[in-house]
Amino acid sequence: MYEVTIRRSFSAAHILREIGGKCEELHGHNFFVEVSTAAESLNEEGLLIDFRLLKRWTDEVLDELDHKYLNELKYFKKINPSSEQIARFLFDRIAAKAGPANLPLSRVTVWESENARASYSL
């Protein structure tokens, strides 16, 4: 199995409702995001995917979140914008872009600090 992973970042603020503690106050993170795709075989050029393409899809989706107050976005109106939910949001949006290329995502990982991460995969 081949796997390709890219790493990007974005900054955003959020409030995590009803969990107790400091995270119920407005705060922000410089998030790091890892996006991975995997397949059994490579294309004719010997690549799983051109890194530039995966970066472009990811950057297009991250533009929806970068320098935003996540709680105000439609997707997060009724759910906490936790790292877990952000990973799912990114996975779904990037997978939709990768679908026409017939390239399945394997995982999206969101780091909210150097010591804390959450991933979503199918």
Protein backbone atom coordinates (compact mmCIF):
# COMPACT_ATOMS: atom_id res chain seq x y z
CA MET A 1 0.00 0.00 0.00
CA TYR A 2 1.29 3.43 -0.95
CA GLU A 3 0.41 6.49 1.12
CA VAL A 4 1.06 10.16 0.43
CA THR A 5 0.64 12.81 3.13
CA ILE A 6 0.79 16.58 2.92
CA ARG A 7 0.88 19.05 5.81
CA ARG A 8 -0.77 22.47 5.81
CA SER A 9 -1.87 24.97 8.46
CA PHE A 10 -4.57 27.48 9.27
CA SER A 11 -5.50 29.75 12.15
CA ALA A 12 -8.97 29.98 13.64
CA ALA A 13 -10.89 30.72 16.82
CA HIS A 14 -13.65 28.72 18.46
CA ILE A 15 -15.60 27.99 21.61
CA LEU A 16 -16.29 24.41 22.69
CA ARG A 17 -19.74 24.45 24.27
CA GLU A 18 -20.77 22.47 27.33
CA ILE A 19 -17.49 20.68 27.99
CA GLY A 20 -16.36 22.66 31.02
CA GLY A 21 -13.11 24.48 31.58
CA LYS A 22 -11.16 27.07 29.64
CA CYS A 23 -12.21 25.76 26.23
CA GLU A 24 -15.69 27.20 26.81
CA GLU A 25 -14.08 30.62 26.45
CA LEU A 26 -13.23 32.12 23.08
CA HIS A 27 -9.74 30.97 22.11
CA GLY A 28 -7.76 30.19 19.00
CA HIS A 29 -5.24 27.78 17.57
CA ASN A 30 -2.67 27.63 14.84
CA PHE A 31 -3.90 24.29 13.54
CA PHE A 32 -1.75 21.92 11.49
CA VAL A 33 -3.48 19.54 9.14
CA GLU A 34 -2.18 16.32 7.62
CA VAL A 35 -4.08 14.93 4.64
CA SER A 36 -3.29 11.40 3.47
CA THR A 37 -4.37 9.36 0.49
CA ALA A 38 -3.55 5.72 -0.15
CA ALA A 39 -3.79 3.16 -2.92
CA GLU A 40 -2.42 -0.22 -3.90
CA SER A 41 -0.82 1.00 -7.11
CA LEU A 42 0.80 4.03 -8.72
CA ASN A 43 -0.16 5.84 -11.92
CA GLU A 44 1.74 5.68 -15.21
CA GLU A 45 4.18 8.34 -13.98
CA GLY A 46 5.03 6.29 -10.90
CA LEU A 47 3.09 8.57 -8.55
CA LEU A 48 0.17 8.01 -6.24
CA ILE A 49 -0.72 11.68 -6.70
CA ASP A 50 1.10 14.87 -7.53
CA PHE A 51 1.69 16.58 -4.18
CA ARG A 52 0.70 19.90 -5.76
CA LEU A 53 -2.79 18.62 -6.54
CA LEU A 54 -3.42 17.37 -2.99
CA LYS A 55 -2.07 20.67 -1.62
CA ARG A 56 -4.35 22.68 -3.92
CA TRP A 57 -7.48 20.76 -2.89
CA THR A 58 -6.55 21.10 0.77
CA ASP A 59 -5.77 24.82 0.50
CA GLU A 60 -9.11 25.47 -1.21
CA VAL A 61 -10.94 23.86 1.72
CA LEU A 62 -8.75 25.45 4.38
CA ASP A 63 -9.62 28.87 2.95
CA GLU A 64 -13.14 28.24 4.33
CA LEU A 65 -11.69 28.00 7.88
CA ASP A 66 -8.60 30.20 7.92
CA HIS A 67 -8.87 33.25 10.20
CA LYS A 68 -12.52 32.49 10.94
CA TYR A 69 -14.57 32.13 14.10
CA LEU A 70 -15.55 28.52 13.51
CA ASN A 71 -18.73 28.60 15.61
CA GLU A 72 -20.23 31.08 13.14
CA LEU A 73 -19.79 28.80 10.12
CA LYS A 74 -22.92 26.97 8.97
CA TYR A 75 -21.32 23.53 9.40
CA PHE A 76 -20.51 24.18 13.07
CA LYS A 77 -23.69 26.02 14.11
CA LYS A 78 -25.12 22.93 15.84
CA ILE A 79 -21.96 20.95 16.60
CA ASN A 80 -18.83 21.82 18.54
CA PRO A 81 -15.95 22.82 16.26
CA SER A 82 -13.64 20.35 18.00
CA SER A 83 -10.52 18.98 16.35
CA GLU A 84 -12.43 15.76 15.73
CA GLN A 85 -15.25 17.60 13.95
CA ILE A 86 -12.79 19.77 12.01
CA ALA A 87 -11.02 16.60 10.81
CA ARG A 88 -14.36 15.18 9.60
CA PHE A 89 -15.28 18.47 7.89
CA LEU A 90 -11.93 18.57 6.07
CA PHE A 91 -12.08 14.89 5.15
CA ASP A 92 -15.52 15.21 3.58
CA ARG A 93 -14.69 18.41 1.67
CA ILE A 94 -11.33 17.24 0.37
CA ALA A 95 -12.69 13.77 -0.50
CA ALA A 96 -15.32 15.46 -2.67
CA LYS A 97 -12.53 17.19 -4.62
CA ALA A 98 -10.48 13.97 -4.87
CA GLY A 99 -13.45 11.85 -5.95
CA PRO A 100 -13.39 12.81 -9.65
CA ALA A 101 -9.69 11.85 -9.70
CA ASN A 102 -10.71 8.44 -8.30
CA LEU A 103 -8.31 8.91 -5.41
CA PRO A 104 -9.63 7.97 -1.97
CA LEU A 105 -8.46 9.83 1.11
CA SER A 106 -7.19 7.58 3.86
CA ARG A 107 -7.03 10.03 6.77
CA VAL A 108 -7.15 13.64 7.86
CA THR A 109 -5.39 14.60 11.09
CA VAL A 110 -5.83 17.95 12.81
CA TRP A 111 -3.22 19.10 15.32
CA GLU A 112 -4.47 21.84 17.65
CA SER A 113 -1.15 21.91 19.48
CA GLU A 114 2.14 20.05 19.26
CA ASN A 115 0.78 17.59 21.83
CA ALA A 116 -2.84 17.10 20.77
CA ARG A 117 -4.30 15.74 17.55
CA ALA A 118 -7.47 14.14 16.24
CA SER A 119 -7.95 12.10 13.07
CA TYR A 120 -10.84 11.04 10.88
CA SER A 121 -10.73 8.16 8.41
CA LEU A 122 -13.21 5.79 6.82
